[in-house]
PDB file of N, CA and C in Angstrom:
ATOM      1  N   ALA A   1      -1.485   2.420   9.921  1.00  0.00           N
ATOM      2  CA  ALA A   1      -2.525   2.107  10.886  1.00  0.00           C
ATOM      3  C   ALA A   1      -3.809   1.676  10.179  1.00  0.00           C
ATOM      4  N   LEU A   2      -4.099   2.340   9.031  1.00  0.00           N
ATOM      5  CA  LEU A   2      -5.307   1.970   8.280  1.00  0.00           C
ATOM      6  C   LEU A   2      -5.189   0.567   7.703  1.00  0.00           C
ATOM      7  N   VAL A   3      -3.977   0.186   7.272  1.00  0.00           N
ATOM      8  CA  VAL A   3      -3.779  -1.144   6.675  1.00  0.00           C
ATOM      9  C   VAL A   3      -3.913  -2.226   7.744  1.00  0.00           C
ATOM     10  N   LYS A   4      -3.416  -1.945   8.964  1.00  0.00           N
ATOM     11  CA  LYS A   4      -3.563  -2.910  10.060  1.00  0.00           C
ATOM     12  C   LYS A   4      -5.034  -3.091  10.414  1.00  0.00           C
ATOM     13  N   PHE A   5      -5.802  -2.029  10.308  1.00  0.00           N
ATOM     14  CA  PHE A   5      -7.232  -2.076  10.601  1.00  0.00           C
ATOM     15  C   PHE A   5      -7.978  -2.872   9.537  1.00  0.00           C
ATOM     16  N   ASN A   6      -7.652  -2.639   8.254  1.00  0.00           N
ATOM     17  CA  ASN A   6      -8.337  -3.330   7.156  1.00  0.00           C
ATOM     18  C   ASN A   6      -7.382  -3.467   5.971  1.00  0.00           C
ATOM     19  N   GLU A   7      -7.066  -4.709   5.595  1.00  0.00           N
ATOM     20  CA  GLU A   7      -6.118  -4.977   4.498  1.00  0.00           C
ATOM     21  C   GLU A   7      -6.614  -4.471   3.142  1.00  0.00           C
ATOM     22  N   GLU A   8      -7.921  -4.268   2.992  1.00  0.00           N
ATOM     23  CA  GLU A   8      -8.468  -3.824   1.697  1.00  0.00           C
ATOM     24  C   GLU A   8      -8.033  -2.401   1.339  1.00  0.00           C
ATOM     25  N   PHE A   9      -7.595  -1.640   2.346  1.00  0.00           N
ATOM     26  CA  PHE A   9      -7.154  -0.259   2.088  1.00  0.00           C
ATOM     27  C   PHE A   9      -5.775  -0.200   1.442  1.00  0.00           C
ATOM     28  N   ARG A  10      -5.041  -1.344   1.438  1.00  0.00           N
ATOM     29  CA  ARG A  10      -3.638  -1.330   1.013  1.00  0.00           C
ATOM     30  C   ARG A  10      -3.433  -0.855  -0.428  1.00  0.00           C
ATOM     31  N   SER A  11      -4.105  -1.491  -1.410  1.00  0.00           N
ATOM     32  CA  SER A  11      -3.830  -1.144  -2.814  1.00  0.00           C
ATOM     33  C   SER A  11      -4.242   0.281  -3.195  1.00  0.00           C
ATOM     34  N   PRO A  12      -5.426   0.781  -2.780  1.00  0.00           N
ATOM     35  CA  PRO A  12      -5.706   2.184  -3.147  1.00  0.00           C
ATOM     36  C   PRO A  12      -4.752   3.183  -2.482  1.00  0.00           C
ATOM     37  N   LEU A  13      -4.315   2.886  -1.254  1.00  0.00           N
ATOM     38  CA  LEU A  13      -3.372   3.782  -0.581  1.00  0.00           C
ATOM     39  C   LEU A  13      -2.016   3.754  -1.279  1.00  0.00           C
ATOM     40  N   LYS A  14      -1.580   2.540  -1.658  1.00  0.00           N
ATOM     41  CA  LYS A  14      -0.280   2.390  -2.321  1.00  0.00           C
ATOM     42  C   LYS A  14      -0.300   3.068  -3.689  1.00  0.00           C
ATOM     43  N   LYS A  15      -1.419   2.925  -4.397  1.00  0.00           N
ATOM     44  CA  LYS A  15      -1.555   3.514  -5.737  1.00  0.00           C
ATOM     45  C   LYS A  15      -1.412   5.032  -5.673  1.00  0.00           C
ATOM     46  N   ASN A  16      -1.934   5.633  -4.601  1.00  0.00           N
ATOM     47  CA  ASN A  16      -1.863   7.087  -4.455  1.00  0.00           C
ATOM     48  C   ASN A  16      -0.612   7.556  -3.712  1.00  0.00           C
ATOM     49  N   GLY A  17       0.293   6.622  -3.379  1.00  0.00           N
ATOM     50  CA  GLY A  17       1.573   6.983  -2.771  1.00  0.00           C
ATOM     51  C   GLY A  17       1.517   7.346  -1.303  1.00  0.00           C
ATOM     52  N   PHE A  18       0.565   6.801  -0.572  1.00  0.00           N
ATOM     53  CA  PHE A  18       0.448   7.127   0.854  1.00  0.00           C
ATOM     54  C   PHE A  18       1.194   6.150   1.763  1.00  0.00           C
ATOM     55  N   LEU A  19       1.769   5.101   1.199  1.00  0.00           N
ATOM     56  CA  LEU A  19       2.438   4.112   2.046  1.00  0.00           C
ATOM     57  C   LEU A  19       3.955   4.279   2.046  1.00  0.00           C
ATOM     58  N   THR A  20       4.483   5.185   1.219  1.00  0.00           N
ATOM     59  CA  THR A  20       5.933   5.377   1.186  1.00  0.00           C
ATOM     60  C   THR A  20       6.290   6.658   1.932  1.00  0.00           C
ATOM     61  N   ARG A  21       7.383   6.603   2.677  1.00  0.00           N
ATOM     62  CA  ARG A  21       7.847   7.763   3.448  1.00  0.00           C
ATOM     63  C   ARG A  21       8.675   8.651   2.525  1.00  0.00           C
ATOM     64  N   ASP A  22       8.430   9.956   2.581  1.00  0.00           N
ATOM     65  CA  ASP A  22       9.189  10.892   1.759  1.00  0.00           C
ATOM     66  C   ASP A  22      10.563  11.113   2.409  1.00  0.00           C
ATOM     67  N   PRO A  23      11.647  10.677   1.765  1.00  0.00           N
ATOM     68  CA  PRO A  23      12.968  10.734   2.408  1.00  0.00           C
ATOM     69  C   PRO A  23      13.647  12.107   2.367  1.00  0.00           C
ATOM     70  N   ARG A  24      13.008  13.101   1.715  1.00  0.00           N
ATOM     71  CA  ARG A  24      13.657  14.413   1.597  1.00  0.00           C
ATOM     72  C   ARG A  24      13.774  15.084   2.962  1.00  0.00           C
ATOM     73  N   MET A  25      14.947  15.636   3.238  1.00  0.00           N
ATOM     74  CA  MET A  25      15.181  16.296   4.517  1.00  0.00           C
ATOM     75  C   MET A  25      15.819  17.658   4.280  1.00  0.00           C
ATOM     76  N   LYS A  26      15.726  18.519   5.282  1.00  0.00           N
ATOM     77  CA  LYS A  26      16.320  19.852   5.215  1.00  0.00           C
ATOM     78  C   LYS A  26      17.838  19.702   5.184  1.00  0.00           C
ATOM     79  N   GLU A  27      18.475  20.398   4.234  1.00  0.00           N
ATOM     80  CA  GLU A  27      19.930  20.354   4.120  1.00  0.00           C
ATOM     81  C   GLU A  27      20.538  21.169   5.262  1.00  0.00           C
ATOM     82  N   ARG A  28      21.670  20.710   5.792  1.00  0.00           N
ATOM     83  CA  ARG A  28      22.255  21.410   6.934  1.00  0.00           C
ATOM     84  C   ARG A  28      22.874  22.737   6.513  1.00  0.00           C
ATOM     85  N   LYS A  29      22.905  23.694   7.442  1.00  0.00           N
ATOM     86  CA  LYS A  29      23.498  25.005   7.178  1.00  0.00           C
ATOM     87  C   LYS A  29      25.012  24.855   7.185  1.00  0.00           C
ATOM     88  N   LYS A  30      25.685  25.462   6.182  1.00  0.00           N
ATOM     89  CA  LYS A  30      27.145  25.408   6.116  1.00  0.00           C
ATOM     90  C   LYS A  30      27.736  26.719   6.632  1.00  0.00           C
ATOM     91  N   TYR A  31      28.898  26.639   7.261  1.00  0.00           N
ATOM     92  CA  TYR A  31      29.543  27.862   7.764  1.00  0.00           C
ATOM     93  C   TYR A  31      29.999  28.712   6.581  1.00  0.00           C
ATOM     94  N   GLY A  32      29.931  30.020   6.748  1.00  0.00           N
ATOM     95  CA  GLY A  32      30.280  30.935   5.662  1.00  0.00           C
ATOM     96  C   GLY A  32      29.107  31.250   4.753  1.00  0.00           C
ATOM     97  N   LEU A  33      27.982  30.584   4.960  1.00  0.00           N
ATOM     98  CA  LEU A  33      26.784  30.827   4.163  1.00  0.00           C
ATOM     99  C   LEU A  33      25.656  31.259   5.090  1.00  0.00           C
ATOM    100  N   LYS A  34      24.648  31.943   4.517  1.00  0.00           N
ATOM    101  CA  LYS A  34      23.504  32.394   5.316  1.00  0.00           C
ATOM    102  C   LYS A  34      22.606  31.219   5.704  1.00  0.00           C
ATOM    103  N   LYS A  35      22.334  30.336   4.720  1.00  0.00           N
ATOM    104  CA  LYS A  35      21.525  29.128   4.955  1.00  0.00           C
ATOM    105  C   LYS A  35      22.294  27.948   4.372  1.00  0.00           C
ATOM    106  N   ALA A  36      21.597  26.913   3.928  1.00  0.00           N
ATOM    107  CA  ALA A  36      22.266  25.749   3.367  1.00  0.00           C
ATOM    108  C   ALA A  36      22.978  26.089   2.057  1.00  0.00           C
ATOM    109  N   ARG A  37      22.316  26.877   1.206  1.00  0.00           N
ATOM    110  CA  ARG A  37      22.915  27.240  -0.083  1.00  0.00           C
ATOM    111  C   ARG A  37      23.002  28.741  -0.324  1.00  0.00           C
ATOM    112  N   ARG A  38      22.207  29.504   0.416  1.00  0.00           N
ATOM    113  CA  ARG A  38      22.177  30.960   0.215  1.00  0.00           C
ATOM    114  C   ARG A  38      23.490  31.574   0.661  1.00  0.00           C
ATOM    115  N   LYS A  39      24.156  32.268  -0.261  1.00  0.00           N
ATOM    116  CA  LYS A  39      25.426  32.906   0.054  1.00  0.00           C
ATOM    117  C   LYS A  39      25.187  34.313   0.588  1.00  0.00           C
ATOM    118  N   PRO A  40      26.168  34.866   1.316  1.00  0.00           N
ATOM    119  CA  PRO A  40      26.019  36.256   1.762  1.00  0.00           C
ATOM    120  C   PRO A  40      25.914  37.196   0.567  1.00  0.00           C
ATOM    121  N   GLN A  41      25.228  38.324   0.754  1.00  0.00           N
ATOM    122  CA  GLN A  41      24.994  39.258  -0.340  1.00  0.00           C
ATOM    123  C   GLN A  41      26.321  39.756  -0.908  1.00  0.00           C
ATOM    124  N   PHE A  42      26.438  39.730  -2.238  1.00  0.00           N
ATOM    125  CA  PHE A  42      27.655  40.147  -2.927  1.00  0.00           C
ATOM    126  C   PHE A  42      27.606  41.646  -3.192  1.00  0.00           C
ATOM    127  N   SER A  43      28.699  42.325  -2.886  1.00  0.00           N
ATOM    128  CA  SER A  43      28.787  43.756  -3.150  1.00  0.00           C
ATOM    129  C   SER A  43      29.939  44.003  -4.118  1.00  0.00           C
ATOM    130  N   LYS A  44      29.645  44.638  -5.227  1.00  0.00           N
ATOM    131  CA  LYS A  44      30.675  44.892  -6.239  1.00  0.00           C
ATOM    132  C   LYS A  44      31.720  45.881  -5.707  1.00  0.00           C
ATOM    133  N   ARG A  45      31.256  46.810  -4.882  1.00  0.00           N
ATOM    134  CA  ARG A  45      32.190  47.827  -4.345  1.00  0.00           C
ATOM    135  C   ARG A  45      32.141  47.866  -2.824  1.00  0.00           C
TER     136      ARG A  45
END
């Protein structure tokens, strides 16, 4: 929205990484596990 308002904002915003979308997403929960990677508590006995 800032770039559409004024093109001069483009290079400083791009330099600081504000124009790219962060693609990281929450990993899905798997069955048999507590969360995405957390396993149920292990009991030796």
